[in-house]
Full PDB file with SEQRES, HELIX, SHEET, SSBOND, CRYST1, ORIGX, SCALE, CONECT and MASTER records, all heavy atoms in Angstrom:
SEQRES   1 A   37  ARG GLU LYS ASN ALA LEU MET THR VAL ALA GLN ILE ALA          
SEQRES   2 A   37  ALA THR PHE ALA LEU THR MET ALA GLY TRP LEU PHE PHE          
SEQRES   3 A   37  ARG VAL SER SER MET GLU GLN LEU GLY ALA MET                  
HELIX    1 AA1 ALA A    5  ARG A   27  1                                  23    
HELIX    2 AA2 MET A   31  ALA A   36  1                                   6    
CRYST1    1.000    1.000    1.000  90.00  90.00  90.00 P 1           1          
ORIGX1      1.000000  0.000000  0.000000        0.00000                         
ORIGX2      0.000000  1.000000  0.000000        0.00000                         
ORIGX3      0.000000  0.000000  1.000000        0.00000                         
SCALE1      1.000000  0.000000  0.000000        0.00000                         
SCALE2      0.000000  1.000000  0.000000        0.00000                         
SCALE3      0.000000  0.000000  1.000000        0.00000                         
ATOM      1  N   ARG A   1       0.334 -13.467  -4.891  1.00  0.00           N  
ATOM      2  CA  ARG A   1       0.640 -12.818  -3.630  1.00  0.00           C  
ATOM      3  C   ARG A   1       0.979 -11.349  -3.820  1.00  0.00           C  
ATOM      4  O   ARG A   1       1.615 -10.976  -4.787  1.00  0.00           O  
ATOM      5  CB  ARG A   1       1.797 -13.532  -2.948  1.00  0.00           C  
ATOM      6  CG  ARG A   1       1.259 -14.765  -2.267  1.00  0.00           C  
ATOM      7  CD  ARG A   1       2.311 -15.379  -1.452  1.00  0.00           C  
ATOM      8  NE  ARG A   1       2.594 -16.602  -2.178  1.00  0.00           N  
ATOM      9  CZ  ARG A   1       3.780 -17.042  -2.457  1.00  0.00           C  
ATOM     10  NH1 ARG A   1       4.822 -16.422  -2.045  1.00  0.00           N  
ATOM     11  NH2 ARG A   1       3.945 -18.134  -3.127  1.00  0.00           N  
ATOM     12  N   GLU A   2       0.574 -10.573  -2.878  1.00  0.00           N  
ATOM     13  CA  GLU A   2       0.845  -9.144  -2.935  1.00  0.00           C  
ATOM     14  C   GLU A   2       2.298  -8.871  -2.550  1.00  0.00           C  
ATOM     15  O   GLU A   2       2.902  -9.604  -1.788  1.00  0.00           O  
ATOM     16  CB  GLU A   2      -0.079  -8.396  -1.976  1.00  0.00           C  
ATOM     17  CG  GLU A   2      -1.538  -8.517  -2.371  1.00  0.00           C  
ATOM     18  CD  GLU A   2      -2.412  -7.647  -1.493  1.00  0.00           C  
ATOM     19  OE1 GLU A   2      -1.940  -6.578  -1.066  1.00  0.00           O  
ATOM     20  OE2 GLU A   2      -3.553  -8.054  -1.251  1.00  0.00           O  
ATOM     21  N   LYS A   3       2.828  -7.770  -3.069  1.00  0.00           N  
ATOM     22  CA  LYS A   3       4.194  -7.362  -2.740  1.00  0.00           C  
ATOM     23  C   LYS A   3       4.208  -6.330  -1.616  1.00  0.00           C  
ATOM     24  O   LYS A   3       5.204  -5.731  -1.331  1.00  0.00           O  
ATOM     25  CB  LYS A   3       4.896  -6.800  -3.980  1.00  0.00           C  
ATOM     26  CG  LYS A   3       5.137  -7.839  -5.037  1.00  0.00           C  
ATOM     27  CD  LYS A   3       6.157  -8.852  -4.552  1.00  0.00           C  
ATOM     28  CE  LYS A   3       6.452  -9.848  -5.657  1.00  0.00           C  
ATOM     29  NZ  LYS A   3       7.401 -10.856  -5.272  1.00  0.00           N  
ATOM     30  N   ASN A   4       3.081  -6.132  -0.963  1.00  0.00           N  
ATOM     31  CA  ASN A   4       2.935  -5.213   0.148  1.00  0.00           C  
ATOM     32  C   ASN A   4       3.706  -5.774   1.351  1.00  0.00           C  
ATOM     33  O   ASN A   4       3.517  -6.930   1.726  1.00  0.00           O  
ATOM     34  CB  ASN A   4       1.433  -5.101   0.426  1.00  0.00           C  
ATOM     35  CG  ASN A   4       1.107  -4.277   1.631  1.00  0.00           C  
ATOM     36  OD1 ASN A   4       1.826  -4.275   2.624  1.00  0.00           O  
ATOM     37  ND2 ASN A   4      -0.016  -3.595   1.554  1.00  0.00           N  
ATOM     38  N   ALA A   5       4.561  -4.970   1.970  1.00  0.00           N  
ATOM     39  CA  ALA A   5       5.399  -5.441   3.080  1.00  0.00           C  
ATOM     40  C   ALA A   5       4.557  -5.920   4.265  1.00  0.00           C  
ATOM     41  O   ALA A   5       4.856  -6.954   4.861  1.00  0.00           O  
ATOM     42  CB  ALA A   5       6.345  -4.338   3.524  1.00  0.00           C  
ATOM     43  N   LEU A   6       3.499  -5.202   4.606  1.00  0.00           N  
ATOM     44  CA  LEU A   6       2.651  -5.593   5.732  1.00  0.00           C  
ATOM     45  C   LEU A   6       1.951  -6.919   5.438  1.00  0.00           C  
ATOM     46  O   LEU A   6       1.874  -7.798   6.304  1.00  0.00           O  
ATOM     47  CB  LEU A   6       1.635  -4.494   6.039  1.00  0.00           C  
ATOM     48  CG  LEU A   6       0.765  -4.716   7.268  1.00  0.00           C  
ATOM     49  CD1 LEU A   6       1.630  -4.868   8.519  1.00  0.00           C  
ATOM     50  CD2 LEU A   6      -0.201  -3.561   7.440  1.00  0.00           C  
ATOM     51  N   MET A   7       1.468  -7.087   4.220  1.00  0.00           N  
ATOM     52  CA  MET A   7       0.812  -8.340   3.831  1.00  0.00           C  
ATOM     53  C   MET A   7       1.831  -9.493   3.853  1.00  0.00           C  
ATOM     54  O   MET A   7       1.497 -10.597   4.286  1.00  0.00           O  
ATOM     55  CB  MET A   7       0.183  -8.210   2.443  1.00  0.00           C  
ATOM     56  CG  MET A   7      -0.554  -9.461   2.011  1.00  0.00           C  
ATOM     57  SD  MET A   7      -1.895  -9.935   3.115  1.00  0.00           S  
ATOM     58  CE  MET A   7      -3.145  -8.811   2.617  1.00  0.00           C  
ATOM     59  N   THR A   8       3.034  -9.218   3.420  1.00  0.00           N  
ATOM     60  CA  THR A   8       4.089 -10.234   3.436  1.00  0.00           C  
ATOM     61  C   THR A   8       4.346 -10.706   4.858  1.00  0.00           C  
ATOM     62  O   THR A   8       4.405 -11.907   5.130  1.00  0.00           O  
ATOM     63  CB  THR A   8       5.388  -9.683   2.816  1.00  0.00           C  
ATOM     64  OG1 THR A   8       5.140  -9.367   1.448  1.00  0.00           O  
ATOM     65  CG2 THR A   8       6.523 -10.683   2.907  1.00  0.00           C  
ATOM     66  N   VAL A   9       4.474  -9.774   5.780  1.00  0.00           N  
ATOM     67  CA  VAL A   9       4.710 -10.122   7.183  1.00  0.00           C  
ATOM     68  C   VAL A   9       3.530 -10.916   7.736  1.00  0.00           C  
ATOM     69  O   VAL A   9       3.717 -11.918   8.442  1.00  0.00           O  
ATOM     70  CB  VAL A   9       4.980  -8.850   8.025  1.00  0.00           C  
ATOM     71  CG1 VAL A   9       4.989  -9.165   9.509  1.00  0.00           C  
ATOM     72  CG2 VAL A   9       6.305  -8.222   7.611  1.00  0.00           C  
ATOM     73  N   ALA A  10       2.318 -10.515   7.413  1.00  0.00           N  
ATOM     74  CA  ALA A  10       1.129 -11.232   7.889  1.00  0.00           C  
ATOM     75  C   ALA A  10       1.090 -12.654   7.328  1.00  0.00           C  
ATOM     76  O   ALA A  10       0.770 -13.607   8.057  1.00  0.00           O  
ATOM     77  CB  ALA A  10      -0.134 -10.470   7.502  1.00  0.00           C  
ATOM     78  N   GLN A  11       1.416 -12.817   6.056  1.00  0.00           N  
ATOM     79  CA  GLN A  11       1.422 -14.147   5.440  1.00  0.00           C  
ATOM     80  C   GLN A  11       2.482 -15.035   6.079  1.00  0.00           C  
ATOM     81  O   GLN A  11       2.230 -16.212   6.359  1.00  0.00           O  
ATOM     82  CB  GLN A  11       1.664 -14.038   3.932  1.00  0.00           C  
ATOM     83  CG  GLN A  11       0.505 -13.455   3.177  1.00  0.00           C  
ATOM     84  CD  GLN A  11       0.866 -13.117   1.743  1.00  0.00           C  
ATOM     85  OE1 GLN A  11       2.004 -12.806   1.417  1.00  0.00           O  
ATOM     86  NE2 GLN A  11      -0.136 -13.173   0.869  1.00  0.00           N  
ATOM     87  N   ILE A  12       3.650 -14.481   6.317  1.00  0.00           N  
ATOM     88  CA  ILE A  12       4.730 -15.254   6.941  1.00  0.00           C  
ATOM     89  C   ILE A  12       4.339 -15.649   8.366  1.00  0.00           C  
ATOM     90  O   ILE A  12       4.528 -16.800   8.773  1.00  0.00           O  
ATOM     91  CB  ILE A  12       6.048 -14.450   6.937  1.00  0.00           C  
ATOM     92  CG1 ILE A  12       6.559 -14.302   5.502  1.00  0.00           C  
ATOM     93  CG2 ILE A  12       7.102 -15.120   7.817  1.00  0.00           C  
ATOM     94  CD1 ILE A  12       7.688 -13.306   5.358  1.00  0.00           C  
ATOM     95  N   ALA A  13       3.777 -14.707   9.111  1.00  0.00           N  
ATOM     96  CA  ALA A  13       3.366 -14.996  10.491  1.00  0.00           C  
ATOM     97  C   ALA A  13       2.285 -16.074  10.521  1.00  0.00           C  
ATOM     98  O   ALA A  13       2.331 -16.993  11.356  1.00  0.00           O  
ATOM     99  CB  ALA A  13       2.881 -13.720  11.177  1.00  0.00           C  
ATOM    100  N   ALA A  14       1.313 -15.995   9.617  1.00  0.00           N  
ATOM    101  CA  ALA A  14       0.242 -16.997   9.576  1.00  0.00           C  
ATOM    102  C   ALA A  14       0.803 -18.371   9.205  1.00  0.00           C  
ATOM    103  O   ALA A  14       0.452 -19.385   9.831  1.00  0.00           O  
ATOM    104  CB  ALA A  14      -0.839 -16.578   8.586  1.00  0.00           C  
ATOM    105  N   THR A  15       1.684 -18.414   8.225  1.00  0.00           N  
ATOM    106  CA  THR A  15       2.282 -19.688   7.826  1.00  0.00           C  
ATOM    107  C   THR A  15       3.116 -20.262   8.965  1.00  0.00           C  
ATOM    108  O   THR A  15       3.060 -21.468   9.240  1.00  0.00           O  
ATOM    109  CB  THR A  15       3.153 -19.506   6.568  1.00  0.00           C  
ATOM    110  OG1 THR A  15       2.322 -19.008   5.517  1.00  0.00           O  
ATOM    111  CG2 THR A  15       3.802 -20.806   6.143  1.00  0.00           C  
ATOM    112  N   PHE A  16       3.850 -19.405   9.644  1.00  0.00           N  
ATOM    113  CA  PHE A  16       4.657 -19.850  10.782  1.00  0.00           C  
ATOM    114  C   PHE A  16       3.767 -20.445  11.869  1.00  0.00           C  
ATOM    115  O   PHE A  16       4.035 -21.533  12.381  1.00  0.00           O  
ATOM    116  CB  PHE A  16       5.476 -18.676  11.327  1.00  0.00           C  
ATOM    117  CG  PHE A  16       6.340 -19.036  12.487  1.00  0.00           C  
ATOM    118  CD1 PHE A  16       7.542 -19.697  12.293  1.00  0.00           C  
ATOM    119  CD2 PHE A  16       5.963 -18.719  13.786  1.00  0.00           C  
ATOM    120  CE1 PHE A  16       8.355 -20.036  13.365  1.00  0.00           C  
ATOM    121  CE2 PHE A  16       6.762 -19.047  14.859  1.00  0.00           C  
ATOM    122  CZ  PHE A  16       7.961 -19.711  14.650  1.00  0.00           C  
ATOM    123  N   ALA A  17       2.691 -19.748  12.205  1.00  0.00           N  
ATOM    124  CA  ALA A  17       1.782 -20.227  13.256  1.00  0.00           C  
ATOM    125  C   ALA A  17       1.134 -21.553  12.857  1.00  0.00           C  
ATOM    126  O   ALA A  17       1.049 -22.480  13.679  1.00  0.00           O  
ATOM    127  CB  ALA A  17       0.715 -19.173  13.549  1.00  0.00           C  
ATOM    128  N   LEU A  18       0.681 -21.656  11.623  1.00  0.00           N  
ATOM    129  CA  LEU A  18       0.065 -22.908  11.161  1.00  0.00           C  
ATOM    130  C   LEU A  18       1.071 -24.057  11.175  1.00  0.00           C  
ATOM    131  O   LEU A  18       0.738 -25.185  11.555  1.00  0.00           O  
ATOM    132  CB  LEU A  18      -0.507 -22.724   9.749  1.00  0.00           C  
ATOM    133  CG  LEU A  18      -1.740 -21.845   9.647  1.00  0.00           C  
ATOM    134  CD1 LEU A  18      -2.049 -21.520   8.189  1.00  0.00           C  
ATOM    135  CD2 LEU A  18      -2.935 -22.505  10.321  1.00  0.00           C  
ATOM    136  N   THR A  19       2.291 -23.779  10.772  1.00  0.00           N  
ATOM    137  CA  THR A  19       3.320 -24.822  10.756  1.00  0.00           C  
ATOM    138  C   THR A  19       3.670 -25.251  12.175  1.00  0.00           C  
ATOM    139  O   THR A  19       3.798 -26.456  12.456  1.00  0.00           O  
ATOM    140  CB  THR A  19       4.579 -24.311  10.020  1.00  0.00           C  
ATOM    141  OG1 THR A  19       4.198 -23.905   8.700  1.00  0.00           O  
ATOM    142  CG2 THR A  19       5.630 -25.397   9.916  1.00  0.00           C  
ATOM    143  N   MET A  20       3.802 -24.290  13.079  1.00  0.00           N  
ATOM    144  CA  MET A  20       4.104 -24.637  14.471  1.00  0.00           C  
ATOM    145  C   MET A  20       2.979 -25.462  15.088  1.00  0.00           C  
ATOM    146  O   MET A  20       3.233 -26.408  15.841  1.00  0.00           O  
ATOM    147  CB  MET A  20       4.331 -23.371  15.305  1.00  0.00           C  
ATOM    148  CG  MET A  20       5.607 -22.624  14.984  1.00  0.00           C  
ATOM    149  SD  MET A  20       7.089 -23.601  15.312  1.00  0.00           S  
ATOM    150  CE  MET A  20       7.610 -23.988  13.665  1.00  0.00           C  
ATOM    151  N   ALA A  21       1.742 -25.132  14.763  1.00  0.00           N  
ATOM    152  CA  ALA A  21       0.616 -25.919  15.264  1.00  0.00           C  
ATOM    153  C   ALA A  21       0.710 -27.351  14.750  1.00  0.00           C  
ATOM    154  O   ALA A  21       0.415 -28.305  15.479  1.00  0.00           O  
ATOM    155  CB  ALA A  21      -0.711 -25.279  14.847  1.00  0.00           C  
ATOM    156  N   GLY A  22       1.134 -27.517  13.526  1.00  0.00           N  
ATOM    157  CA  GLY A  22       1.287 -28.858  12.958  1.00  0.00           C  
ATOM    158  C   GLY A  22       2.347 -29.688  13.651  1.00  0.00           C  
ATOM    159  O   GLY A  22       2.236 -30.915  13.738  1.00  0.00           O  
ATOM    160  N   TRP A  23       3.379 -29.024  14.170  1.00  0.00           N  
ATOM    161  CA  TRP A  23       4.432 -29.776  14.861  1.00  0.00           C  
ATOM    162  C   TRP A  23       3.925 -30.406  16.156  1.00  0.00           C  
ATOM    163  O   TRP A  23       4.530 -31.356  16.656  1.00  0.00           O  
ATOM    164  CB  TRP A  23       5.645 -28.886  15.147  1.00  0.00           C  
ATOM    165  CG  TRP A  23       6.422 -28.569  13.897  1.00  0.00           C  
ATOM    166  CD1 TRP A  23       6.691 -27.324  13.402  1.00  0.00           C  
ATOM    167  CD2 TRP A  23       7.023 -29.496  12.982  1.00  0.00           C  
ATOM    168  NE1 TRP A  23       7.402 -27.435  12.234  1.00  0.00           N  
ATOM    169  CE2 TRP A  23       7.627 -28.758  11.965  1.00  0.00           C  
ATOM    170  CE3 TRP A  23       7.094 -30.886  12.931  1.00  0.00           C  
ATOM    171  CZ2 TRP A  23       8.298 -29.360  10.901  1.00  0.00           C  
ATOM    172  CZ3 TRP A  23       7.762 -31.477  11.866  1.00  0.00           C  
ATOM    173  CH2 TRP A  23       8.352 -30.717  10.875  1.00  0.00           C  
ATOM    174  N   LEU A  24       2.819 -29.890  16.691  1.00  0.00           N  
ATOM    175  CA  LEU A  24       2.240 -30.538  17.875  1.00  0.00           C  
ATOM    176  C   LEU A  24       1.864 -31.983  17.552  1.00  0.00           C  
ATOM    177  O   LEU A  24       2.108 -32.886  18.352  1.00  0.00           O  
ATOM    178  CB  LEU A  24       1.002 -29.777  18.361  1.00  0.00           C  
ATOM    179  CG  LEU A  24       1.246 -28.401  18.963  1.00  0.00           C  
ATOM    180  CD1 LEU A  24      -0.077 -27.735  19.290  1.00  0.00           C  
ATOM    181  CD2 LEU A  24       2.128 -28.499  20.190  1.00  0.00           C  
ATOM    182  N   PHE A  25       1.265 -32.220  16.394  1.00  0.00           N  
ATOM    183  CA  PHE A  25       0.923 -33.589  15.996  1.00  0.00           C  
ATOM    184  C   PHE A  25       2.180 -34.458  15.913  1.00  0.00           C  
ATOM    185  O   PHE A  25       2.163 -35.627  16.274  1.00  0.00           O  
ATOM    186  CB  PHE A  25       0.231 -33.611  14.627  1.00  0.00           C  
ATOM    187  CG  PHE A  25      -1.120 -32.994  14.622  1.00  0.00           C  
ATOM    188  CD1 PHE A  25      -1.370 -31.841  13.890  1.00  0.00           C  
ATOM    189  CD2 PHE A  25      -2.171 -33.552  15.328  1.00  0.00           C  
ATOM    190  CE1 PHE A  25      -2.624 -31.265  13.867  1.00  0.00           C  
ATOM    191  CE2 PHE A  25      -3.432 -32.995  15.318  1.00  0.00           C  
ATOM    192  CZ  PHE A  25      -3.652 -31.845  14.583  1.00  0.00           C  
ATOM    193  N   PHE A  26       3.238 -33.861  15.403  1.00  0.00           N  
ATOM    194  CA  PHE A  26       4.484 -34.596  15.224  1.00  0.00           C  
ATOM    195  C   PHE A  26       5.086 -34.996  16.567  1.00  0.00           C  
ATOM    196  O   PHE A  26       5.703 -36.040  16.694  1.00  0.00           O  
ATOM    197  CB  PHE A  26       5.468 -33.715  14.446  1.00  0.00           C  
ATOM    198  CG  PHE A  26       6.491 -34.475  13.681  1.00  0.00           C  
ATOM    199  CD1 PHE A  26       6.205 -34.951  12.415  1.00  0.00           C  
ATOM    200  CD2 PHE A  26       7.747 -34.700  14.205  1.00  0.00           C  
ATOM    201  CE1 PHE A  26       7.141 -35.641  11.685  1.00  0.00           C  
ATOM    202  CE2 PHE A  26       8.691 -35.393  13.491  1.00  0.00           C  
ATOM    203  CZ  PHE A  26       8.392 -35.868  12.228  1.00  0.00           C  
ATOM    204  N   ARG A  27       4.900 -34.177  17.564  1.00  0.00           N  
ATOM    205  CA  ARG A  27       5.558 -34.338  18.865  1.00  0.00           C  
ATOM    206  C   ARG A  27       4.842 -35.271  19.835  1.00  0.00           C  
ATOM    207  O   ARG A  27       5.471 -35.960  20.621  1.00  0.00           O  
ATOM    208  CB  ARG A  27       5.700 -32.940  19.495  1.00  0.00           C  
ATOM    209  CG  ARG A  27       6.116 -32.894  20.930  1.00  0.00           C  
ATOM    210  CD  ARG A  27       7.563 -33.298  21.102  1.00  0.00           C  
ATOM    211  NE  ARG A  27       8.012 -33.153  22.452  1.00  0.00           N  
ATOM    212  CZ  ARG A  27       7.869 -34.060  23.404  1.00  0.00           C  
ATOM    213  NH1 ARG A  27       7.254 -35.182  23.167  1.00  0.00           N  
ATOM    214  NH2 ARG A  27       8.336 -33.836  24.609  1.00  0.00           N  
ATOM    215  N   VAL A  28       3.503 -35.277  19.812  1.00  0.00           N  
ATOM    216  CA  VAL A  28       2.740 -35.972  20.853  1.00  0.00           C  
ATOM    217  C   VAL A  28       2.742 -37.488  20.664  1.00  0.00           C  
ATOM    218  O   VAL A  28       2.987 -37.999  19.582  1.00  0.00           O  
ATOM    219  CB  VAL A  28       1.279 -35.471  20.918  1.00  0.00           C  
ATOM    220  CG1 VAL A  28       1.229 -33.998  21.238  1.00  0.00           C  
ATOM    221  CG2 VAL A  28       0.525 -35.778  19.635  1.00  0.00           C  
ATOM    222  N   SER A  29       2.462 -38.173  21.767  1.00  0.00           N  
ATOM    223  CA  SER A  29       2.379 -39.638  21.699  1.00  0.00           C  
ATOM    224  C   SER A  29       0.970 -40.139  22.021  1.00  0.00           C  
ATOM    225  O   SER A  29       0.714 -41.324  21.927  1.00  0.00           O  
ATOM    226  CB  SER A  29       3.396 -40.270  22.656  1.00  0.00           C  
ATOM    227  OG  SER A  29       3.183 -39.816  23.968  1.00  0.00           O  
ATOM    228  N   SER A  30       0.069 -39.225  22.394  1.00  0.00           N  
ATOM    229  CA  SER A  30      -1.312 -39.629  22.667  1.00  0.00           C  
ATOM    230  C   SER A  30      -2.231 -38.424  22.475  1.00  0.00           C  
ATOM    231  O   SER A  30      -1.785 -37.277  22.502  1.00  0.00           O  
ATOM    232  CB  SER A  30      -1.446 -40.154  24.101  1.00  0.00           C  
ATOM    233  OG  SER A  30      -1.299 -39.098  25.027  1.00  0.00           O  
ATOM    234  N   MET A  31      -3.507 -38.725  22.315  1.00  0.00           N  
ATOM    235  CA  MET A  31      -4.488 -37.653  22.178  1.00  0.00           C  
ATOM    236  C   MET A  31      -4.586 -36.847  23.470  1.00  0.00           C  
ATOM    237  O   MET A  31      -4.792 -35.635  23.429  1.00  0.00           O  
ATOM    238  CB  MET A  31      -5.867 -38.230  21.819  1.00  0.00           C  
ATOM    239  CG  MET A  31      -5.957 -38.745  20.402  1.00  0.00           C  
ATOM    240  SD  MET A  31      -5.593 -37.477  19.175  1.00  0.00           S  
ATOM    241  CE  MET A  31      -7.128 -36.578  19.156  1.00  0.00           C  
ATOM    242  N   GLU A  32      -4.414 -37.495  24.617  1.00  0.00           N  
ATOM    243  CA  GLU A  32      -4.452 -36.789  25.897  1.00  0.00           C  
ATOM    244  C   GLU A  32      -3.315 -35.775  25.968  1.00  0.00           C  
ATOM    245  O   GLU A  32      -3.499 -34.654  26.432  1.00  0.00           O  
ATOM    246  CB  GLU A  32      -4.363 -37.773  27.070  1.00  0.00           C  
ATOM    247  CG  GLU A  32      -5.574 -38.669  27.220  1.00  0.00           C  
ATOM    248  CD  GLU A  32      -5.595 -39.842  26.226  1.00  0.00           C  
ATOM    249  OE1 GLU A  32      -4.512 -40.248  25.730  1.00  0.00           O  
ATOM    250  OE2 GLU A  32      -6.689 -40.329  25.926  1.00  0.00           O  
ATOM    251  N   GLN A  33      -2.147 -36.198  25.510  1.00  0.00           N  
ATOM    252  CA  GLN A  33      -1.004 -35.294  25.528  1.00  0.00           C  
ATOM    253  C   GLN A  33      -1.242 -34.114  24.580  1.00  0.00           C  
ATOM    254  O   GLN A  33      -0.922 -32.977  24.915  1.00  0.00           O  
ATOM    255  CB  GLN A  33       0.274 -36.036  25.135  1.00  0.00           C  
ATOM    256  CG  GLN A  33       1.516 -35.204  25.310  1.00  0.00           C  
ATOM    257  CD  GLN A  33       2.775 -35.957  24.932  1.00  0.00           C  
ATOM    258  OE1 GLN A  33       2.753 -36.901  24.149  1.00  0.00           O  
ATOM    259  NE2 GLN A  33       3.893 -35.525  25.498  1.00  0.00           N  
ATOM    260  N   LEU A  34      -1.827 -34.375  23.426  1.00  0.00           N  
ATOM    261  CA  LEU A  34      -2.155 -33.298  22.487  1.00  0.00           C  
ATOM    262  C   LEU A  34      -3.130 -32.320  23.134  1.00  0.00           C  
ATOM    263  O   LEU A  34      -2.924 -31.102  23.080  1.00  0.00           O  
ATOM    264  CB  LEU A  34      -2.753 -33.865  21.196  1.00  0.00           C  
ATOM    265  CG  LEU A  34      -3.195 -32.842  20.154  1.00  0.00           C  
ATOM    266  CD1 LEU A  34      -2.013 -32.029  19.649  1.00  0.00           C  
ATOM    267  CD2 LEU A  34      -3.901 -33.536  19.002  1.00  0.00           C  
ATOM    268  N   GLY A  35      -4.177 -32.844  23.773  1.00  0.00           N  
ATOM    269  CA  GLY A  35      -5.147 -31.986  24.449  1.00  0.00           C  
ATOM    270  C   GLY A  35      -4.502 -31.151  25.541  1.00  0.00           C  
ATOM    271  O   GLY A  35      -4.786 -29.955  25.675  1.00  0.00           O  
ATOM    272  N   ALA A  36      -3.613 -31.778  26.317  1.00  0.00           N  
ATOM    273  CA  ALA A  36      -2.938 -31.049  27.399  1.00  0.00           C  
ATOM    274  C   ALA A  36      -2.037 -29.952  26.838  1.00  0.00           C  
ATOM    275  O   ALA A  36      -2.003 -28.840  27.378  1.00  0.00           O  
ATOM    276  CB  ALA A  36      -2.123 -32.023  28.250  1.00  0.00           C  
ATOM    277  N   MET A  37      -1.335 -30.247  25.755  1.00  0.00           N  
ATOM    278  CA  MET A  37      -0.446 -29.241  25.164  1.00  0.00           C  
ATOM    279  C   MET A  37      -1.244 -28.057  24.617  1.00  0.00           C  
ATOM    280  O   MET A  37      -0.879 -26.905  24.848  1.00  0.00           O  
ATOM    281  CB  MET A  37       0.414 -29.865  24.065  1.00  0.00           C  
ATOM    282  CG  MET A  37       1.484 -30.794  24.602  1.00  0.00           C  
ATOM    283  SD  MET A  37       2.379 -31.623  23.286  1.00  0.00           S  
ATOM    284  CE  MET A  37       3.584 -30.372  22.903  1.00  0.00           C  
TER     285      MET A  37                                                      
MASTER        0    0    0    2    0    0    0    6  284    1    0    3          
END                                                                             
């Protein structure tokens, strides 16, 4: 990983977004609910 501050922020933001997207699977109770969310 680069020690560049801008790259660090971009990596953290991307990881955060990917992780938050994954929590949708954790939260839903049906495929319809996932689609609606």
